[in-house]
Every structure is written in structure tokens, then in C-alpha cells.
């Protein structure tokens, strides 16, 4: 029996391969939603480059908005999350708040 190797092309922006190898949008779950908001906050803190231009965008208002959205979700879902979802949200909030404070501090020092 010969093993067939298939070369999969990388999927386009935001898509992932499904079990058949087709490029699809990832399943929407609470965790992927939280990760999306985290990515938005990191992008607006200049930690993730713009994929089209390669530039870093810093917009503290939009970063704060994404963080505030995560905080609202934490408050409104209290007691309704799985242990894994709760830990993910708690850890992301801790990390992104720390990054926000450091970015603002760095900007003020410049």
C-alpha cells in the first residue's frame, strides 16, 4: 500500500483547511470570538503588522474599545463559561491590559 502525500496550499486570509482540505472560515465559537477581539486589540496596539502594508498601526482608542468589549463579555458571561473558556478570557484580558499599559507608557516616554 503506497502512502499518498498531498501538498496543501496555504489558505487565504482568515481561512483554515477543513477535513477535506478545502479552505473555509473557522468555526465560530466563544473561544474564537475572544481570540478575534484579542487580535483586534493587539493590531491596534501595533503588535501585529497590517498584512497588506506591513505597517504597524497604533490607535489606543480602538485598542481600548476591543479591551472594553472583552471586559463586558467577562462580566456578562460570569458563571456561564466552561473552565477552559473562563481561563482563556481571564488570561487574554490580563495580557492585553498589560500590553496596553506598556504601550501607553512607551508612547509617553517618546
PDB file of N, CA and C in Angstrom:
ATOM      1  N   UNK A   1       0.839  -1.170   0.000  1.00  0.00           N
ATOM      2  CA  UNK A   1       0.000   0.000   0.000  1.00  0.00           C
ATOM      3  C   UNK A   1       0.890   1.241   0.000  1.00  0.00           C
ATOM      4  N   UNK A   2       0.729   2.098  -0.951  1.00  0.00           N
ATOM      5  CA  UNK A   2       1.560   3.297  -1.013  1.00  0.00           C
ATOM      6  C   UNK A   2       0.846   4.456  -0.331  1.00  0.00           C
ATOM      7  N   UNK A   3       1.659   5.270   0.309  1.00  0.00           N
ATOM      8  CA  UNK A   3       1.113   6.415   1.010  1.00  0.00           C
ATOM      9  C   UNK A   3       1.156   7.613   0.076  1.00  0.00           C
ATOM     10  N   UNK A   4       0.029   8.257  -0.101  1.00  0.00           N
ATOM     11  CA  UNK A   4      -0.040   9.407  -0.981  1.00  0.00           C
ATOM     12  C   UNK A   4       0.156  10.678  -0.167  1.00  0.00           C
ATOM     13  N   UNK A   5       1.096  11.478  -0.592  1.00  0.00           N
ATOM     14  CA  UNK A   5       1.308  12.759   0.075  1.00  0.00           C
ATOM     15  C   UNK A   5       0.591  13.824  -0.727  1.00  0.00           C
ATOM     16  N   UNK A   6      -0.207  14.597  -0.047  1.00  0.00           N
ATOM     17  CA  UNK A   6      -0.875  15.696  -0.722  1.00  0.00           C
ATOM     18  C   UNK A   6      -0.258  16.994  -0.239  1.00  0.00           C
ATOM     19  N   UNK A   7       0.061  17.826  -1.179  1.00  0.00           N
ATOM     20  CA  UNK A   7       0.605  19.129  -0.846  1.00  0.00           C
ATOM     21  C   UNK A   7      -0.555  20.103  -0.776  1.00  0.00           C
ATOM     22  N   UNK A   8      -0.784  20.614   0.391  1.00  0.00           N
ATOM     23  CA  UNK A   8      -1.890  21.552   0.571  1.00  0.00           C
ATOM     24  C   UNK A   8      -1.358  22.973   0.455  1.00  0.00           C
ATOM     25  N   UNK A   9      -2.059  23.746  -0.325  1.00  0.00           N
ATOM     26  CA  UNK A   9      -1.724  25.149  -0.442  1.00  0.00           C
ATOM     27  C   UNK A   9      -2.222  25.870   0.813  1.00  0.00           C
ATOM     28  N   UNK A  10      -1.469  26.857   1.276  1.00  0.00           N
ATOM     29  CA  UNK A  10      -1.948  27.589   2.448  1.00  0.00           C
ATOM     30  C   UNK A  10      -3.249  28.313   2.093  1.00  0.00           C
ATOM     31  N   UNK A  11      -4.103  28.401   3.072  1.00  0.00           N
ATOM     32  CA  UNK A  11      -5.385  29.070   2.860  1.00  0.00           C
ATOM     33  C   UNK A  11      -5.185  30.579   2.873  1.00  0.00           C
ATOM     34  N   UNK A  12      -6.128  31.264   2.265  1.00  0.00           N
ATOM     35  CA  UNK A  12      -6.096  32.721   2.224  1.00  0.00           C
ATOM     36  C   UNK A  12      -6.371  33.316   3.593  1.00  0.00           C
ATOM     37  N   UNK A  13      -6.399  34.608   3.625  1.00  0.00           N
ATOM     38  CA  UNK A  13      -6.542  35.367   4.862  1.00  0.00           C
ATOM     39  C   UNK A  13      -7.754  34.919   5.685  1.00  0.00           C
ATOM     40  N   UNK A  14      -7.486  34.512   6.913  1.00  0.00           N
ATOM     41  CA  UNK A  14      -8.537  34.166   7.846  1.00  0.00           C
ATOM     42  C   UNK A  14      -9.138  32.789   7.676  1.00  0.00           C
ATOM     43  N   UNK A  15      -8.723  32.040   6.674  1.00  0.00           N
ATOM     44  CA  UNK A  15      -9.320  30.730   6.426  1.00  0.00           C
ATOM     45  C   UNK A  15      -8.398  29.613   6.899  1.00  0.00           C
ATOM     46  N   UNK A  16      -9.004  28.469   7.176  1.00  0.00           N
ATOM     47  CA  UNK A  16      -8.265  27.286   7.623  1.00  0.00           C
ATOM     48  C   UNK A  16      -8.724  26.094   6.801  1.00  0.00           C
ATOM     49  N   UNK A  17      -7.869  25.080   6.661  1.00  0.00           N
ATOM     50  CA  UNK A  17      -8.307  23.896   5.910  1.00  0.00           C
ATOM     51  C   UNK A  17      -9.270  23.049   6.740  1.00  0.00           C
ATOM     52  N   UNK A  18     -10.336  22.541   6.083  1.00  0.00           N
ATOM     53  CA  UNK A  18     -11.232  21.621   6.776  1.00  0.00           C
ATOM     54  C   UNK A  18     -10.723  20.199   6.582  1.00  0.00           C
ATOM     55  N   UNK A  19     -11.483  19.199   7.001  1.00  0.00           N
ATOM     56  CA  UNK A  19     -11.037  17.809   6.923  1.00  0.00           C
ATOM     57  C   UNK A  19     -10.815  17.350   5.493  1.00  0.00           C
ATOM     58  N   UNK A  20     -11.496  17.952   4.542  1.00  0.00           N
ATOM     59  CA  UNK A  20     -11.310  17.587   3.137  1.00  0.00           C
ATOM     60  C   UNK A  20     -10.230  18.438   2.456  1.00  0.00           C
ATOM     61  N   UNK A  21      -9.619  19.353   3.204  1.00  0.00           N
ATOM     62  CA  UNK A  21      -8.564  20.185   2.657  1.00  0.00           C
ATOM     63  C   UNK A  21      -9.058  21.469   2.006  1.00  0.00           C
ATOM     64  N   UNK A  22     -10.360  21.703   2.050  1.00  0.00           N
ATOM     65  CA  UNK A  22     -10.906  22.944   1.484  1.00  0.00           C
ATOM     66  C   UNK A  22     -10.670  24.085   2.450  1.00  0.00           C
ATOM     67  N   UNK A  23     -10.432  25.252   1.919  1.00  0.00           N
ATOM     68  CA  UNK A  23     -10.213  26.428   2.754  1.00  0.00           C
ATOM     69  C   UNK A  23     -11.564  27.023   3.141  1.00  0.00           C
ATOM     70  N   UNK A  24     -11.819  27.090   4.433  1.00  0.00           N
ATOM     71  CA  UNK A  24     -13.087  27.592   4.951  1.00  0.00           C
ATOM     72  C   UNK A  24     -12.809  28.544   6.116  1.00  0.00           C
ATOM     73  N   UNK A  25     -13.805  29.310   6.466  1.00  0.00           N
ATOM     74  CA  UNK A  25     -13.695  30.151   7.656  1.00  0.00           C
ATOM     75  C   UNK A  25     -13.738  29.232   8.871  1.00  0.00           C
ATOM     76  N   UNK A  26     -12.974  29.556   9.924  1.00  0.00           N
ATOM     77  CA  UNK A  26     -13.008  28.697  11.113  1.00  0.00           C
ATOM     78  C   UNK A  26     -14.388  28.755  11.771  1.00  0.00           C
ATOM     79  N   UNK A  27     -14.714  27.682  12.484  1.00  0.00           N
ATOM     80  CA  UNK A  27     -15.982  27.617  13.200  1.00  0.00           C
ATOM     81  C   UNK A  27     -16.039  28.750  14.223  1.00  0.00           C
ATOM     82  N   UNK A  28     -17.200  29.371  14.348  1.00  0.00           N
ATOM     83  CA  UNK A  28     -17.364  30.435  15.327  1.00  0.00           C
ATOM     84  C   UNK A  28     -17.723  29.793  16.667  1.00  0.00           C
ATOM     85  N   UNK A  29     -16.836  29.977  17.619  1.00  0.00           N
ATOM     86  CA  UNK A  29     -17.063  29.516  18.984  1.00  0.00           C
ATOM     87  C   UNK A  29     -16.790  30.699  19.902  1.00  0.00           C
ATOM     88  N   UNK A  30     -17.108  30.552  21.159  1.00  0.00           N
ATOM     89  CA  UNK A  30     -16.816  31.620  22.102  1.00  0.00           C
ATOM     90  C   UNK A  30     -15.313  31.901  22.120  1.00  0.00           C
ATOM     91  N   UNK A  31     -14.524  30.832  22.099  1.00  0.00           N
ATOM     92  CA  UNK A  31     -13.069  30.994  22.143  1.00  0.00           C
ATOM     93  C   UNK A  31     -12.533  31.700  20.909  1.00  0.00           C
ATOM     94  N   UNK A  32     -13.031  31.366  19.722  1.00  0.00           N
ATOM     95  CA  UNK A  32     -12.542  32.044  18.512  1.00  0.00           C
ATOM     96  C   UNK A  32     -12.983  33.507  18.498  1.00  0.00           C
ATOM     97  N   UNK A  33     -14.162  33.781  19.059  1.00  0.00           N
ATOM     98  CA  UNK A  33     -14.631  35.161  19.155  1.00  0.00           C
ATOM     99  C   UNK A  33     -13.709  35.964  20.070  1.00  0.00           C
ATOM    100  N   UNK A  34     -13.346  35.393  21.208  1.00  0.00           N
ATOM    101  CA  UNK A  34     -12.438  36.053  22.153  1.00  0.00           C
ATOM    102  C   UNK A  34     -11.075  36.285  21.497  1.00  0.00           C
ATOM    103  N   UNK A  35     -10.586  35.265  20.788  1.00  0.00           N
ATOM    104  CA  UNK A  35      -9.291  35.392  20.102  1.00  0.00           C
ATOM    105  C   UNK A  35      -9.345  36.483  19.040  1.00  0.00           C
ATOM    106  N   UNK A  36     -10.472  36.611  18.362  1.00  0.00           N
ATOM    107  CA  UNK A  36     -10.632  37.657  17.351  1.00  0.00           C
ATOM    108  C   UNK A  36     -10.555  39.048  17.978  1.00  0.00           C
ATOM    109  N   UNK A  37     -11.228  39.237  19.102  1.00  0.00           N
ATOM    110  CA  UNK A  37     -11.161  40.525  19.796  1.00  0.00           C
ATOM    111  C   UNK A  37      -9.753  40.803  20.304  1.00  0.00           C
ATOM    112  N   UNK A  38      -9.075  39.775  20.766  1.00  0.00           N
ATOM    113  CA  UNK A  38      -7.690  39.925  21.212  1.00  0.00           C
ATOM    114  C   UNK A  38      -6.801  40.349  20.046  1.00  0.00           C
ATOM    115  N   UNK A  39      -6.990  39.708  18.907  1.00  0.00           N
ATOM    116  CA  UNK A  39      -6.207  40.060  17.718  1.00  0.00           C
ATOM    117  C   UNK A  39      -6.445  41.512  17.329  1.00  0.00           C
ATOM    118  N   UNK A  40      -7.691  41.949  17.407  1.00  0.00           N
ATOM    119  CA  UNK A  40      -8.022  43.333  17.097  1.00  0.00           C
ATOM    120  C   UNK A  40      -7.294  44.287  18.044  1.00  0.00           C
ATOM    121  N   UNK A  41      -7.322  43.987  19.327  1.00  0.00           N
ATOM    122  CA  UNK A  41      -6.638  44.839  20.308  1.00  0.00           C
ATOM    123  C   UNK A  41      -5.138  44.878  20.033  1.00  0.00           C
ATOM    124  N   UNK A  42      -4.543  43.722  19.780  1.00  0.00           N
ATOM    125  CA  UNK A  42      -3.101  43.671  19.507  1.00  0.00           C
ATOM    126  C   UNK A  42      -2.745  44.429  18.232  1.00  0.00           C
ATOM    127  N   UNK A  43      -3.595  44.315  17.223  1.00  0.00           N
ATOM    128  CA  UNK A  43      -3.371  45.058  15.977  1.00  0.00           C
ATOM    129  C   UNK A  43      -3.360  46.562  16.259  1.00  0.00           C
ATOM    130  N   UNK A  44      -4.337  47.030  17.032  1.00  0.00           N
ATOM    131  CA  UNK A  44      -4.434  48.468  17.308  1.00  0.00           C
ATOM    132  C   UNK A  44      -3.396  48.955  18.305  1.00  0.00           C
ATOM    133  N   UNK A  45      -2.725  48.025  18.969  1.00  0.00           N
ATOM    134  CA  UNK A  45      -1.589  48.398  19.814  1.00  0.00           C
ATOM    135  C   UNK A  45      -0.283  48.382  19.021  1.00  0.00           C
ATOM    136  N   UNK A  46      -0.364  48.021  17.745  1.00  0.00           N
ATOM    137  CA  UNK A  46       0.825  47.979  16.898  1.00  0.00           C
ATOM    138  C   UNK A  46       1.646  46.725  17.080  1.00  0.00           C
ATOM    139  N   UNK A  47       1.090  45.714  17.722  1.00  0.00           N
ATOM    140  CA  UNK A  47       1.828  44.470  17.965  1.00  0.00           C
ATOM    141  C   UNK A  47       1.717  43.492  16.803  1.00  0.00           C
ATOM    142  N   UNK A  48       0.735  43.706  15.952  1.00  0.00           N
ATOM    143  CA  UNK A  48       0.550  42.877  14.759  1.00  0.00           C
ATOM    144  C   UNK A  48       0.586  43.821  13.561  1.00  0.00           C
ATOM    145  N   UNK A  49       1.398  43.481  12.572  1.00  0.00           N
ATOM    146  CA  UNK A  49       1.510  44.353  11.397  1.00  0.00           C
ATOM    147  C   UNK A  49       0.307  44.186  10.494  1.00  0.00           C
ATOM    148  N   UNK A  50       0.003  45.247   9.761  1.00  0.00           N
ATOM    149  CA  UNK A  50      -1.050  45.193   8.754  1.00  0.00           C
ATOM    150  C   UNK A  50      -0.599  44.225   7.668  1.00  0.00           C
ATOM    151  N   UNK A  51      -1.378  43.179   7.379  1.00  0.00           N
ATOM    152  CA  UNK A  51      -0.935  42.172   6.410  1.00  0.00           C
ATOM    153  C   UNK A  51      -0.784  42.708   4.986  1.00  0.00           C
ATOM    154  N   UNK A  52      -1.471  43.776   4.665  1.00  0.00           N
ATOM    155  CA  UNK A  52      -1.388  44.329   3.311  1.00  0.00           C
ATOM    156  C   UNK A  52      -0.226  45.301   3.146  1.00  0.00           C
ATOM    157  N   UNK A  53       0.034  46.099   4.181  1.00  0.00           N
ATOM    158  CA  UNK A  53       1.059  47.134   4.045  1.00  0.00           C
ATOM    159  C   UNK A  53       2.339  46.826   4.808  1.00  0.00           C
ATOM    160  N   UNK A  54       2.243  45.955   5.801  1.00  0.00           N
ATOM    161  CA  UNK A  54       3.399  45.671   6.642  1.00  0.00           C
ATOM    162  C   UNK A  54       3.638  46.734   7.699  1.00  0.00           C
ATOM    163  N   UNK A  55       2.762  47.744   7.728  1.00  0.00           N
ATOM    164  CA  UNK A  55       2.901  48.839   8.692  1.00  0.00           C
ATOM    165  C   UNK A  55       2.273  48.452  10.029  1.00  0.00           C
ATOM    166  N   UNK A  56       2.768  49.091  11.071  1.00  0.00           N
ATOM    167  CA  UNK A  56       2.182  48.906  12.398  1.00  0.00           C
ATOM    168  C   UNK A  56       1.258  50.088  12.678  1.00  0.00           C
ATOM    169  N   UNK A  57       0.051  49.782  13.074  1.00  0.00           N
ATOM    170  CA  UNK A  57      -0.953  50.802  13.358  1.00  0.00           C
ATOM    171  C   UNK A  57      -1.109  50.903  14.864  1.00  0.00           C
ATOM    172  N   UNK A  58      -1.059  52.112  15.390  1.00  0.00           N
ATOM    173  CA  UNK A  58      -1.297  52.312  16.816  1.00  0.00           C
ATOM    174  C   UNK A  58      -2.482  53.256  16.952  1.00  0.00           C
ATOM    175  N   UNK A  59      -3.542  52.734  17.565  1.00  0.00           N
ATOM    176  CA  UNK A  59      -4.740  53.522  17.808  1.00  0.00           C
ATOM    177  C   UNK A  59      -5.263  53.088  19.176  1.00  0.00           C
ATOM    178  N   UNK A  60      -4.923  53.867  20.188  1.00  0.00           N
ATOM    179  CA  UNK A  60      -5.271  53.495  21.552  1.00  0.00           C
ATOM    180  C   UNK A  60      -6.778  53.464  21.790  1.00  0.00           C
ATOM    181  N   UNK A  61      -7.525  54.334  21.112  1.00  0.00           N
ATOM    182  CA  UNK A  61      -8.974  54.333  21.287  1.00  0.00           C
ATOM    183  C   UNK A  61      -9.586  53.011  20.813  1.00  0.00           C
ATOM    184  N   UNK A  62      -9.161  52.532  19.647  1.00  0.00           N
ATOM    185  CA  UNK A  62      -9.701  51.275  19.134  1.00  0.00           C
ATOM    186  C   UNK A  62      -9.200  50.078  19.942  1.00  0.00           C
ATOM    187  N   UNK A  63      -7.966  50.147  20.418  1.00  0.00           N
ATOM    188  CA  UNK A  63      -7.449  49.077  21.281  1.00  0.00           C
ATOM    189  C   UNK A  63      -8.254  49.027  22.576  1.00  0.00           C
ATOM    190  N   UNK A  64      -8.492  50.187  23.164  1.00  0.00           N
ATOM    191  CA  UNK A  64      -9.273  50.262  24.406  1.00  0.00           C
ATOM    192  C   UNK A  64     -10.694  49.741  24.184  1.00  0.00           C
ATOM    193  N   UNK A  65     -11.275  50.040  23.020  1.00  0.00           N
ATOM    194  CA  UNK A  65     -12.624  49.570  22.711  1.00  0.00           C
ATOM    195  C   UNK A  65     -12.670  48.040  22.672  1.00  0.00           C
ATOM    196  N   UNK A  66     -11.684  47.422  22.048  1.00  0.00           N
ATOM    197  CA  UNK A  66     -11.633  45.954  21.991  1.00  0.00           C
ATOM    198  C   UNK A  66     -11.459  45.377  23.396  1.00  0.00           C
ATOM    199  N   UNK A  67     -10.618  46.008  24.204  1.00  0.00           N
ATOM    200  CA  UNK A  67     -10.402  45.547  25.583  1.00  0.00           C
ATOM    201  C   UNK A  67     -11.678  45.715  26.402  1.00  0.00           C
ATOM    202  N   UNK A  68     -12.335  46.858  26.257  1.00  0.00           N
ATOM    203  CA  UNK A  68     -13.589  47.089  26.978  1.00  0.00           C
ATOM    204  C   UNK A  68     -14.654  46.072  26.572  1.00  0.00           C
ATOM    205  N   UNK A  69     -14.678  45.681  25.311  1.00  0.00           N
ATOM    206  CA  UNK A  69     -15.617  44.660  24.840  1.00  0.00           C
ATOM    207  C   UNK A  69     -15.332  43.328  25.530  1.00  0.00           C
ATOM    208  N   UNK A  70     -14.052  42.986  25.663  1.00  0.00           N
ATOM    209  CA  UNK A  70     -13.678  41.760  26.372  1.00  0.00           C
ATOM    210  C   UNK A  70     -14.103  41.818  27.841  1.00  0.00           C
ATOM    211  N   UNK A  71     -13.963  42.983  28.457  1.00  0.00           N
ATOM    212  CA  UNK A  71     -14.361  43.151  29.855  1.00  0.00           C
ATOM    213  C   UNK A  71     -15.875  42.965  30.000  1.00  0.00           C
ATOM    214  N   UNK A  72     -16.649  43.550  29.095  1.00  0.00           N
ATOM    215  CA  UNK A  72     -18.104  43.391  29.132  1.00  0.00           C
ATOM    216  C   UNK A  72     -18.474  41.917  28.986  1.00  0.00           C
ATOM    217  N   UNK A  73     -17.812  41.230  28.071  1.00  0.00           N
ATOM    218  CA  UNK A  73     -18.083  39.800  27.894  1.00  0.00           C
ATOM    219  C   UNK A  73     -17.755  39.016  29.163  1.00  0.00           C
ATOM    220  N   UNK A  74     -16.661  39.380  29.820  1.00  0.00           N
ATOM    221  CA  UNK A  74     -16.292  38.700  31.057  1.00  0.00           C
ATOM    222  C   UNK A  74     -17.380  38.907  32.118  1.00  0.00           C
ATOM    223  N   UNK A  75     -17.861  40.134  32.233  1.00  0.00           N
ATOM    224  CA  UNK A  75     -18.884  40.444  33.233  1.00  0.00           C
ATOM    225  C   UNK A  75     -20.212  39.753  32.915  1.00  0.00           C
ATOM    226  N   UNK A  76     -20.625  39.798  31.665  1.00  0.00           N
ATOM    227  CA  UNK A  76     -21.935  39.290  31.266  1.00  0.00           C
ATOM    228  C   UNK A  76     -21.996  37.761  31.169  1.00  0.00           C
ATOM    229  N   UNK A  77     -20.845  37.116  31.061  1.00  0.00           N
ATOM    230  CA  UNK A  77     -20.851  35.655  30.938  1.00  0.00           C
ATOM    231  C   UNK A  77     -20.426  34.965  32.227  1.00  0.00           C
ATOM    232  N   UNK A  78     -20.219  35.746  33.282  1.00  0.00           N
ATOM    233  CA  UNK A  78     -19.763  35.181  34.562  1.00  0.00           C
ATOM    234  C   UNK A  78     -20.686  34.040  34.998  1.00  0.00           C
ATOM    235  N   UNK A  79     -20.090  32.882  35.243  1.00  0.00           N
ATOM    236  CA  UNK A  79     -20.839  31.719  35.681  1.00  0.00           C
ATOM    237  C   UNK A  79     -21.423  30.882  34.549  1.00  0.00           C
ATOM    238  N   UNK A  80     -21.268  31.332  33.315  1.00  0.00           N
ATOM    239  CA  UNK A  80     -21.841  30.621  32.172  1.00  0.00           C
ATOM    240  C   UNK A  80     -20.797  30.051  31.223  1.00  0.00           C
ATOM    241  N   UNK A  81     -19.537  30.121  31.572  1.00  0.00           N
ATOM    242  CA  UNK A  81     -18.474  29.637  30.695  1.00  0.00           C
ATOM    243  C   UNK A  81     -17.929  28.311  31.209  1.00  0.00           C
ATOM    244  N   UNK A  82     -17.347  27.554  30.288  1.00  0.00           N
ATOM    245  CA  UNK A  82     -16.629  26.362  30.711  1.00  0.00           C
ATOM    246  C   UNK A  82     -15.355  26.829  31.414  1.00  0.00           C
ATOM    247  N   UNK A  83     -14.719  25.953  32.130  1.00  0.00           N
ATOM    248  CA  UNK A  83     -13.468  26.305  32.794  1.00  0.00           C
ATOM    249  C   UNK A  83     -12.422  26.776  31.805  1.00  0.00           C
ATOM    250  N   UNK A  84     -12.354  26.109  30.661  1.00  0.00           N
ATOM    251  CA  UNK A  84     -11.386  26.467  29.622  1.00  0.00           C
ATOM    252  C   UNK A  84     -11.686  27.848  29.040  1.00  0.00           C
ATOM    253  N   UNK A  85     -12.961  28.143  28.777  1.00  0.00           N
ATOM    254  CA  UNK A  85     -13.333  29.455  28.242  1.00  0.00           C
ATOM    255  C   UNK A  85     -13.035  30.560  29.253  1.00  0.00           C
ATOM    256  N   UNK A  86     -13.342  30.302  30.512  1.00  0.00           N
ATOM    257  CA  UNK A  86     -13.087  31.282  31.572  1.00  0.00           C
ATOM    258  C   UNK A  86     -11.595  31.597  31.673  1.00  0.00           C
ATOM    259  N   UNK A  87     -10.767  30.554  31.684  1.00  0.00           N
ATOM    260  CA  UNK A  87      -9.319  30.741  31.771  1.00  0.00           C
ATOM    261  C   UNK A  87      -8.783  31.499  30.563  1.00  0.00           C
ATOM    262  N   UNK A  88      -9.260  31.163  29.377  1.00  0.00           N
ATOM    263  CA  UNK A  88      -8.830  31.849  28.160  1.00  0.00           C
ATOM    264  C   UNK A  88      -9.138  33.339  28.256  1.00  0.00           C
ATOM    265  N   UNK A  89     -10.366  33.665  28.602  1.00  0.00           N
ATOM    266  CA  UNK A  89     -10.771  35.067  28.692  1.00  0.00           C
ATOM    267  C   UNK A  89      -9.981  35.801  29.770  1.00  0.00           C
ATOM    268  N   UNK A  90      -9.839  35.198  30.920  1.00  0.00           N
ATOM    269  CA  UNK A  90      -9.089  35.813  32.029  1.00  0.00           C
ATOM    270  C   UNK A  90      -7.633  36.072  31.620  1.00  0.00           C
ATOM    271  N   UNK A  91      -7.001  35.072  31.009  1.00  0.00           N
ATOM    272  CA  UNK A  91      -5.597  35.218  30.616  1.00  0.00           C
ATOM    273  C   UNK A  91      -5.410  36.240  29.502  1.00  0.00           C
ATOM    274  N   UNK A  92      -6.311  36.237  28.543  1.00  0.00           N
ATOM    275  CA  UNK A  92      -6.213  37.220  27.449  1.00  0.00           C
ATOM    276  C   UNK A  92      -6.403  38.625  27.998  1.00  0.00           C
ATOM    277  N   UNK A  93      -7.380  38.806  28.868  1.00  0.00           N
ATOM    278  CA  UNK A  93      -7.595  40.139  29.436  1.00  0.00           C
ATOM    279  C   UNK A  93      -6.387  40.621  30.229  1.00  0.00           C
ATOM    280  N   UNK A  94      -5.820  39.757  31.029  1.00  0.00           N
ATOM    281  CA  UNK A  94      -4.627  40.130  31.793  1.00  0.00           C
ATOM    282  C   UNK A  94      -3.510  40.561  30.850  1.00  0.00           C
ATOM    283  N   UNK A  95      -3.251  39.745  29.838  1.00  0.00           N
ATOM    284  CA  UNK A  95      -2.169  40.012  28.900  1.00  0.00           C
ATOM    285  C   UNK A  95      -2.392  41.300  28.104  1.00  0.00           C
ATOM    286  N   UNK A  96      -3.588  41.469  27.553  1.00  0.00           N
ATOM    287  CA  UNK A  96      -3.821  42.623  26.686  1.00  0.00           C
ATOM    288  C   UNK A  96      -3.877  43.926  27.486  1.00  0.00           C
ATOM    289  N   UNK A  97      -4.371  43.870  28.717  1.00  0.00           N
ATOM    290  CA  UNK A  97      -4.346  45.078  29.563  1.00  0.00           C
ATOM    291  C   UNK A  97      -2.906  45.480  29.882  1.00  0.00           C
ATOM    292  N   UNK A  98      -2.071  44.511  30.188  1.00  0.00           N
ATOM    293  CA  UNK A  98      -0.663  44.778  30.466  1.00  0.00           C
ATOM    294  C   UNK A  98       0.030  45.376  29.234  1.00  0.00           C
ATOM    295  N   UNK A  99      -0.250  44.804  28.081  1.00  0.00           N
ATOM    296  CA  UNK A  99       0.334  45.323  26.840  1.00  0.00           C
ATOM    297  C   UNK A  99      -0.140  46.752  26.567  1.00  0.00           C
ATOM    298  N   UNK A 100      -1.404  47.022  26.855  1.00  0.00           N
ATOM    299  CA  UNK A 100      -1.949  48.366  26.651  1.00  0.00           C
ATOM    300  C   UNK A 100      -1.222  49.377  27.534  1.00  0.00           C
ATOM    301  N   UNK A 101      -1.096  49.053  28.811  1.00  0.00           N
ATOM    302  CA  UNK A 101      -0.410  49.956  29.753  1.00  0.00           C
ATOM    303  C   UNK A 101       1.033  50.184  29.306  1.00  0.00           C
ATOM    304  N   UNK A 102       1.717  49.130  28.901  1.00  0.00           N
ATOM    305  CA  UNK A 102       3.112  49.273  28.450  1.00  0.00           C
ATOM    306  C   UNK A 102       3.213  50.107  27.183  1.00  0.00           C
ATOM    307  N   UNK A 103       2.266  49.945  26.263  1.00  0.00           N
ATOM    308  CA  UNK A 103       2.296  50.722  25.020  1.00  0.00           C
ATOM    309  C   UNK A 103       2.051  52.197  25.294  1.00  0.00           C
ATOM    310  N   UNK A 104       1.106  52.500  26.179  1.00  0.00           N
ATOM    311  CA  UNK A 104       0.823  53.901  26.524  1.00  0.00           C
ATOM    312  C   UNK A 104       2.034  54.505  27.224  1.00  0.00           C
ATOM    313  N   UNK A 105       2.627  53.756  28.135  1.00  0.00           N
ATOM    314  CA  UNK A 105       3.808  54.242  28.853  1.00  0.00           C
ATOM    315  C   UNK A 105       4.954  54.518  27.866  1.00  0.00           C
ATOM    316  N   UNK A 106       5.168  53.607  26.943  1.00  0.00           N
ATOM    317  CA  UNK A 106       6.226  53.766  25.948  1.00  0.00           C
ATOM    318  C   UNK A 106       5.977  55.002  25.078  1.00  0.00           C
ATOM    319  N   UNK A 107       4.747  55.229  24.702  1.00  0.00           N
ATOM    320  CA  UNK A 107       4.391  56.375  23.867  1.00  0.00           C
ATOM    321  C   UNK A 107       4.658  57.686  24.616  1.00  0.00           C
ATOM    322  N   UNK A 108       4.339  57.704  25.902  1.00  0.00           N
ATOM    323  CA  UNK A 108       4.558  58.921  26.711  1.00  0.00           C
ATOM    324  C   UNK A 108       6.031  59.222  26.890  1.00  0.00           C
ATOM    325  N   UNK A 109       6.858  58.169  26.922  1.00  0.00           N
ATOM    326  CA  UNK A 109       8.304  58.349  27.107  1.00  0.00           C
ATOM    327  C   UNK A 109       8.994  58.847  25.858  1.00  0.00           C
ATOM    328  N   UNK A 110       8.333  58.733  24.728  1.00  0.00           N
ATOM    329  CA  UNK A 110       8.969  59.156  23.459  1.00  0.00           C
ATOM    330  C   UNK A 110       8.968  60.653  23.294  1.00  0.00           C
TER     331      UNK A 110
END
